[in-house]
Amino acid sequence: MASSANLDKLSQAGVDLNNLGEPQKQVLASLTPAELDTMISIKERLEATGEVEGFAKGTNNVGASFF
């Protein structure tokens, strides 16, 4: 199981990681600090519009809301 400060930071930023598979979590755990900050910034900007959602493919092949 992937474990890192990155996953904690994403979770604290409101990103639901529950529907992601281990490969997706490993990628998120390996992001650089700049990549992580960019991802969180994009999430915040998308949420501010109230009209856009991001999606990630869950382990059961059902699209899960990422942001």
PDB file of N, CA and C in Angstrom:
ATOM      1  N   MET A   1       0.851  -1.191   0.000  1.00  0.00           N
ATOM      2  CA  MET A   1       0.000   0.000   0.000  1.00  0.00           C
ATOM      3  C   MET A   1       0.890   1.246   0.000  1.00  0.00           C
ATOM      4  N   ALA A   2       0.573   2.183  -0.853  1.00  0.00           N
ATOM      5  CA  ALA A   2       1.341   3.422  -0.925  1.00  0.00           C
ATOM      6  C   ALA A   2       1.075   4.254   0.314  1.00  0.00           C
ATOM      7  N   SER A   3       2.112   4.815   0.849  1.00  0.00           N
ATOM      8  CA  SER A   3       1.968   5.651   2.026  1.00  0.00           C
ATOM      9  C   SER A   3       2.949   6.802   1.914  1.00  0.00           C
ATOM     10  N   SER A   4       2.462   8.007   2.052  1.00  0.00           N
ATOM     11  CA  SER A   4       3.377   9.148   1.985  1.00  0.00           C
ATOM     12  C   SER A   4       2.694  10.396   2.487  1.00  0.00           C
ATOM     13  N   ALA A   5       3.505  11.390   2.700  1.00  0.00           N
ATOM     14  CA  ALA A   5       2.978  12.699   3.069  1.00  0.00           C
ATOM     15  C   ALA A   5       2.129  13.266   1.941  1.00  0.00           C
ATOM     16  N   ASN A   6       2.433  12.886   0.690  1.00  0.00           N
ATOM     17  CA  ASN A   6       1.631  13.368  -0.442  1.00  0.00           C
ATOM     18  C   ASN A   6       0.183  12.934  -0.317  1.00  0.00           C
ATOM     19  N   LEU A   7      -0.039  11.661   0.005  1.00  0.00           N
ATOM     20  CA  LEU A   7      -1.410  11.164   0.135  1.00  0.00           C
ATOM     21  C   LEU A   7      -2.119  11.865   1.284  1.00  0.00           C
ATOM     22  N   ASP A   8      -1.403  12.097   2.370  1.00  0.00           N
ATOM     23  CA  ASP A   8      -1.988  12.824   3.495  1.00  0.00           C
ATOM     24  C   ASP A   8      -2.363  14.243   3.093  1.00  0.00           C
ATOM     25  N   LYS A   9      -1.467  14.900   2.363  1.00  0.00           N
ATOM     26  CA  LYS A   9      -1.732  16.280   1.941  1.00  0.00           C
ATOM     27  C   LYS A   9      -2.933  16.351   0.997  1.00  0.00           C
ATOM     28  N   LEU A  10      -3.023  15.413   0.072  1.00  0.00           N
ATOM     29  CA  LEU A  10      -4.165  15.377  -0.840  1.00  0.00           C
ATOM     30  C   LEU A  10      -5.462  15.129  -0.077  1.00  0.00           C
ATOM     31  N   SER A  11      -5.417  14.220   0.854  1.00  0.00           N
ATOM     32  CA  SER A  11      -6.597  13.920   1.659  1.00  0.00           C
ATOM     33  C   SER A  11      -7.030  15.140   2.461  1.00  0.00           C
ATOM     34  N   GLN A  12      -6.071  15.848   3.047  1.00  0.00           N
ATOM     35  CA  GLN A  12      -6.381  17.066   3.808  1.00  0.00           C
ATOM     36  C   GLN A  12      -6.942  18.159   2.916  1.00  0.00           C
ATOM     37  N   ALA A  13      -6.589  18.123   1.628  1.00  0.00           N
ATOM     38  CA  ALA A  13      -7.100  19.106   0.670  1.00  0.00           C
ATOM     39  C   ALA A  13      -8.487  18.716   0.157  1.00  0.00           C
ATOM     40  N   GLY A  14      -9.002  17.581   0.646  1.00  0.00           N
ATOM     41  CA  GLY A  14     -10.347  17.179   0.253  1.00  0.00           C
ATOM     42  C   GLY A  14     -10.419  16.216  -0.902  1.00  0.00           C
ATOM     43  N   VAL A  15      -9.294  15.659  -1.302  1.00  0.00           N
ATOM     44  CA  VAL A  15      -9.286  14.693  -2.393  1.00  0.00           C
ATOM     45  C   VAL A  15      -9.650  13.327  -1.817  1.00  0.00           C
ATOM     46  N   ASP A  16     -10.684  12.697  -2.368  1.00  0.00           N
ATOM     47  CA  ASP A  16     -11.121  11.375  -1.925  1.00  0.00           C
ATOM     48  C   ASP A  16     -10.276  10.318  -2.616  1.00  0.00           C
ATOM     49  N   LEU A  17      -9.459   9.649  -1.852  1.00  0.00           N
ATOM     50  CA  LEU A  17      -8.564   8.634  -2.398  1.00  0.00           C
ATOM     51  C   LEU A  17      -9.117   7.223  -2.246  1.00  0.00           C
ATOM     52  N   ASN A  18     -10.275   7.099  -1.651  1.00  0.00           N
ATOM     53  CA  ASN A  18     -10.834   5.785  -1.328  1.00  0.00           C
ATOM     54  C   ASN A  18     -11.100   4.909  -2.539  1.00  0.00           C
ATOM     55  N   ASN A  19     -11.456   5.465  -3.665  1.00  0.00           N
ATOM     56  CA  ASN A  19     -11.801   4.678  -4.841  1.00  0.00           C
ATOM     57  C   ASN A  19     -10.639   4.465  -5.800  1.00  0.00           C
ATOM     58  N   LEU A  20      -9.456   4.903  -5.399  1.00  0.00           N
ATOM     59  CA  LEU A  20      -8.294   4.729  -6.264  1.00  0.00           C
ATOM     60  C   LEU A  20      -7.613   3.402  -5.971  1.00  0.00           C
ATOM     61  N   GLY A  21      -7.085   2.794  -6.999  1.00  0.00           N
ATOM     62  CA  GLY A  21      -6.319   1.570  -6.840  1.00  0.00           C
ATOM     63  C   GLY A  21      -4.901   1.872  -6.381  1.00  0.00           C
ATOM     64  N   GLU A  22      -4.209   0.828  -5.998  1.00  0.00           N
ATOM     65  CA  GLU A  22      -2.831   0.985  -5.527  1.00  0.00           C
ATOM     66  C   GLU A  22      -1.919   1.628  -6.572  1.00  0.00           C
ATOM     67  N   PRO A  23      -2.030   1.275  -7.863  1.00  0.00           N
ATOM     68  CA  PRO A  23      -1.160   1.935  -8.847  1.00  0.00           C
ATOM     69  C   PRO A  23      -1.366   3.452  -8.897  1.00  0.00           C
ATOM     70  N   GLN A  24      -2.621   3.901  -8.821  1.00  0.00           N
ATOM     71  CA  GLN A  24      -2.894   5.344  -8.829  1.00  0.00           C
ATOM     72  C   GLN A  24      -2.332   6.007  -7.568  1.00  0.00           C
ATOM     73  N   LYS A  25      -2.482   5.347  -6.431  1.00  0.00           N
ATOM     74  CA  LYS A  25      -1.949   5.896  -5.179  1.00  0.00           C
ATOM     75  C   LYS A  25      -0.433   5.982  -5.207  1.00  0.00           C
ATOM     76  N   GLN A  26       0.198   5.003  -5.833  1.00  0.00           N
ATOM     77  CA  GLN A  26       1.656   5.037  -5.940  1.00  0.00           C
ATOM     78  C   GLN A  26       2.129   6.211  -6.782  1.00  0.00           C
ATOM     79  N   VAL A  27       1.392   6.503  -7.863  1.00  0.00           N
ATOM     80  CA  VAL A  27       1.753   7.656  -8.691  1.00  0.00           C
ATOM     81  C   VAL A  27       1.608   8.937  -7.876  1.00  0.00           C
ATOM     82  N   LEU A  28       0.488   9.080  -7.162  1.00  0.00           N
ATOM     83  CA  LEU A  28       0.274  10.277  -6.352  1.00  0.00           C
ATOM     84  C   LEU A  28       1.329  10.395  -5.256  1.00  0.00           C
ATOM     85  N   ALA A  29       1.722   9.271  -4.676  1.00  0.00           N
ATOM     86  CA  ALA A  29       2.734   9.280  -3.625  1.00  0.00           C
ATOM     87  C   ALA A  29       4.094   9.718  -4.166  1.00  0.00           C
ATOM     88  N   SER A  30       4.329   9.539  -5.472  1.00  0.00           N
ATOM     89  CA  SER A  30       5.626   9.868  -6.059  1.00  0.00           C
ATOM     90  C   SER A  30       5.688  11.271  -6.673  1.00  0.00           C
ATOM     91  N   LEU A  31       4.603  12.030  -6.610  1.00  0.00           N
ATOM     92  CA  LEU A  31       4.618  13.388  -7.172  1.00  0.00           C
ATOM     93  C   LEU A  31       5.646  14.264  -6.472  1.00  0.00           C
ATOM     94  N   THR A  32       6.223  15.166  -7.230  1.00  0.00           N
ATOM     95  CA  THR A  32       7.131  16.150  -6.628  1.00  0.00           C
ATOM     96  C   THR A  32       6.291  17.171  -5.859  1.00  0.00           C
ATOM     97  N   PRO A  33       6.903  17.923  -4.961  1.00  0.00           N
ATOM     98  CA  PRO A  33       6.141  18.956  -4.251  1.00  0.00           C
ATOM     99  C   PRO A  33       5.465  19.946  -5.203  1.00  0.00           C
ATOM    100  N   ALA A  34       6.144  20.314  -6.280  1.00  0.00           N
ATOM    101  CA  ALA A  34       5.557  21.253  -7.252  1.00  0.00           C
ATOM    102  C   ALA A  34       4.353  20.628  -7.947  1.00  0.00           C
ATOM    103  N   GLU A  35       4.451  19.352  -8.325  1.00  0.00           N
ATOM    104  CA  GLU A  35       3.336  18.666  -8.971  1.00  0.00           C
ATOM    105  C   GLU A  35       2.145  18.558  -8.029  1.00  0.00           C
ATOM    106  N   LEU A  36       2.421  18.233  -6.778  1.00  0.00           N
ATOM    107  CA  LEU A  36       1.364  18.112  -5.782  1.00  0.00           C
ATOM    108  C   LEU A  36       0.663  19.452  -5.575  1.00  0.00           C
ATOM    109  N   ASP A  37       1.437  20.520  -5.427  1.00  0.00           N
ATOM    110  CA  ASP A  37       0.843  21.851  -5.256  1.00  0.00           C
ATOM    111  C   ASP A  37       0.012  22.249  -6.465  1.00  0.00           C
ATOM    112  N   THR A  38       0.484  21.911  -7.666  1.00  0.00           N
ATOM    113  CA  THR A  38      -0.265  22.216  -8.884  1.00  0.00           C
ATOM    114  C   THR A  38      -1.583  21.455  -8.901  1.00  0.00           C
ATOM    115  N   MET A  39      -1.544  20.195  -8.549  1.00  0.00           N
ATOM    116  CA  MET A  39      -2.760  19.380  -8.527  1.00  0.00           C
ATOM    117  C   MET A  39      -3.784  19.945  -7.552  1.00  0.00           C
ATOM    118  N   ILE A  40      -3.341  20.319  -6.380  1.00  0.00           N
ATOM    119  CA  ILE A  40      -4.246  20.889  -5.381  1.00  0.00           C
ATOM    120  C   ILE A  40      -4.788  22.235  -5.857  1.00  0.00           C
ATOM    121  N   SER A  41      -3.943  23.032  -6.478  1.00  0.00           N
ATOM    122  CA  SER A  41      -4.379  24.324  -7.008  1.00  0.00           C
ATOM    123  C   SER A  41      -5.449  24.148  -8.086  1.00  0.00           C
ATOM    124  N   ILE A  42      -5.249  23.183  -8.968  1.00  0.00           N
ATOM    125  CA  ILE A  42      -6.235  22.912 -10.020  1.00  0.00           C
ATOM    126  C   ILE A  42      -7.547  22.469  -9.387  1.00  0.00           C
ATOM    127  N   LYS A  43      -7.476  21.601  -8.393  1.00  0.00           N
ATOM    128  CA  LYS A  43      -8.680  21.147  -7.700  1.00  0.00           C
ATOM    129  C   LYS A  43      -9.446  22.341  -7.128  1.00  0.00           C
ATOM    130  N   GLU A  44      -8.744  23.237  -6.461  1.00  0.00           N
ATOM    131  CA  GLU A  44      -9.387  24.407  -5.851  1.00  0.00           C
ATOM    132  C   GLU A  44     -10.015  25.309  -6.907  1.00  0.00           C
ATOM    133  N   ARG A  45      -9.339  25.488  -8.032  1.00  0.00           N
ATOM    134  CA  ARG A  45      -9.878  26.333  -9.097  1.00  0.00           C
ATOM    135  C   ARG A  45     -11.106  25.706  -9.735  1.00  0.00           C
ATOM    136  N   LEU A  46     -11.081  24.390  -9.934  1.00  0.00           N
ATOM    137  CA  LEU A  46     -12.242  23.704 -10.493  1.00  0.00           C
ATOM    138  C   LEU A  46     -13.433  23.796  -9.550  1.00  0.00           C
ATOM    139  N   GLU A  47     -13.198  23.599  -8.285  1.00  0.00           N
ATOM    140  CA  GLU A  47     -14.281  23.676  -7.302  1.00  0.00           C
ATOM    141  C   GLU A  47     -14.880  25.075  -7.237  1.00  0.00           C
ATOM    142  N   ALA A  48     -14.050  26.085  -7.434  1.00  0.00           N
ATOM    143  CA  ALA A  48     -14.521  27.460  -7.364  1.00  0.00           C
ATOM    144  C   ALA A  48     -15.524  27.784  -8.470  1.00  0.00           C
ATOM    145  N   THR A  49     -15.455  27.050  -9.585  1.00  0.00           N
ATOM    146  CA  THR A  49     -16.388  27.307 -10.681  1.00  0.00           C
ATOM    147  C   THR A  49     -17.756  26.716 -10.394  1.00  0.00           C
ATOM    148  N   GLY A  50     -17.800  25.647  -9.594  1.00  0.00           N
ATOM    149  CA  GLY A  50     -19.049  24.986  -9.291  1.00  0.00           C
ATOM    150  C   GLY A  50     -19.628  24.226 -10.464  1.00  0.00           C
ATOM    151  N   GLU A  51     -18.909  24.129 -11.577  1.00  0.00           N
ATOM    152  CA  GLU A  51     -19.448  23.512 -12.786  1.00  0.00           C
ATOM    153  C   GLU A  51     -18.628  22.339 -13.308  1.00  0.00           C
ATOM    154  N   VAL A  52     -17.497  22.049 -12.699  1.00  0.00           N
ATOM    155  CA  VAL A  52     -16.583  21.059 -13.257  1.00  0.00           C
ATOM    156  C   VAL A  52     -16.206  20.039 -12.191  1.00  0.00           C
ATOM    157  N   GLU A  53     -16.112  18.769 -12.591  1.00  0.00           N
ATOM    158  CA  GLU A  53     -15.603  17.714 -11.720  1.00  0.00           C
ATOM    159  C   GLU A  53     -14.510  16.969 -12.461  1.00  0.00           C
ATOM    160  N   GLY A  54     -13.521  16.504 -11.718  1.00  0.00           N
ATOM    161  CA  GLY A  54     -12.503  15.635 -12.279  1.00  0.00           C
ATOM    162  C   GLY A  54     -12.891  14.198 -11.989  1.00  0.00           C
ATOM    163  N   PHE A  55     -12.442  13.269 -12.804  1.00  0.00           N
ATOM    164  CA  PHE A  55     -12.785  11.873 -12.603  1.00  0.00           C
ATOM    165  C   PHE A  55     -11.544  11.015 -12.663  1.00  0.00           C
ATOM    166  N   ALA A  56     -11.552   9.968 -11.880  1.00  0.00           N
ATOM    167  CA  ALA A  56     -10.490   8.977 -11.911  1.00  0.00           C
ATOM    168  C   ALA A  56     -11.136   7.614 -12.015  1.00  0.00           C
ATOM    169  N   LYS A  57     -10.477   6.724 -12.693  1.00  0.00           N
ATOM    170  CA  LYS A  57     -11.024   5.386 -12.859  1.00  0.00           C
ATOM    171  C   LYS A  57     -10.739   4.579 -11.600  1.00  0.00           C
ATOM    172  N   GLY A  58     -11.759   4.053 -10.976  1.00  0.00           N
ATOM    173  CA  GLY A  58     -11.600   3.260  -9.772  1.00  0.00           C
ATOM    174  C   GLY A  58     -11.151   1.850 -10.096  1.00  0.00           C
ATOM    175  N   THR A  59     -10.823   1.112  -9.072  1.00  0.00           N
ATOM    176  CA  THR A  59     -10.341  -0.253  -9.265  1.00  0.00           C
ATOM    177  C   THR A  59     -11.411  -1.165  -9.818  1.00  0.00           C
ATOM    178  N   ASN A  60     -12.681  -0.782  -9.694  1.00  0.00           N
ATOM    179  CA  ASN A  60     -13.762  -1.614 -10.217  1.00  0.00           C
ATOM    180  C   ASN A  60     -14.220  -1.117 -11.595  1.00  0.00           C
ATOM    181  N   ASN A  61     -13.372  -0.328 -12.262  1.00  0.00           N
ATOM    182  CA  ASN A  61     -13.643   0.191 -13.597  1.00  0.00           C
ATOM    183  C   ASN A  61     -14.857   1.116 -13.680  1.00  0.00           C
ATOM    184  N   VAL A  62     -15.249   1.664 -12.576  1.00  0.00           N
ATOM    185  CA  VAL A  62     -16.334   2.633 -12.555  1.00  0.00           C
ATOM    186  C   VAL A  62     -15.699   4.001 -12.294  1.00  0.00           C
ATOM    187  N   GLY A  63     -16.058   5.004 -13.085  1.00  0.00           N
ATOM    188  CA  GLY A  63     -15.505   6.341 -12.885  1.00  0.00           C
ATOM    189  C   GLY A  63     -15.845   6.848 -11.489  1.00  0.00           C
ATOM    190  N   ALA A  64     -14.860   7.294 -10.780  1.00  0.00           N
ATOM    191  CA  ALA A  64     -15.066   7.816  -9.432  1.00  0.00           C
ATOM    192  C   ALA A  64     -14.651   9.269  -9.408  1.00  0.00           C
ATOM    193  N   SER A  65     -15.385  10.085  -8.718  1.00  0.00           N
ATOM    194  CA  SER A  65     -15.034  11.499  -8.639  1.00  0.00           C
ATOM    195  C   SER A  65     -13.701  11.638  -7.930  1.00  0.00           C
ATOM    196  N   PHE A  66     -12.758  12.293  -8.571  1.00  0.00           N
ATOM    197  CA  PHE A  66     -11.430  12.481  -7.986  1.00  0.00           C
ATOM    198  C   PHE A  66     -11.371  13.790  -7.216  1.00  0.00           C
ATOM    199  N   PHE A  67     -11.921  14.837  -7.808  1.00  0.00           N
ATOM    200  CA  PHE A  67     -11.921  16.115  -7.133  1.00  0.00           C
ATOM    201  C   PHE A  67     -13.246  16.276  -6.435  1.00  0.00           C
TER     202      PHE A  67
END
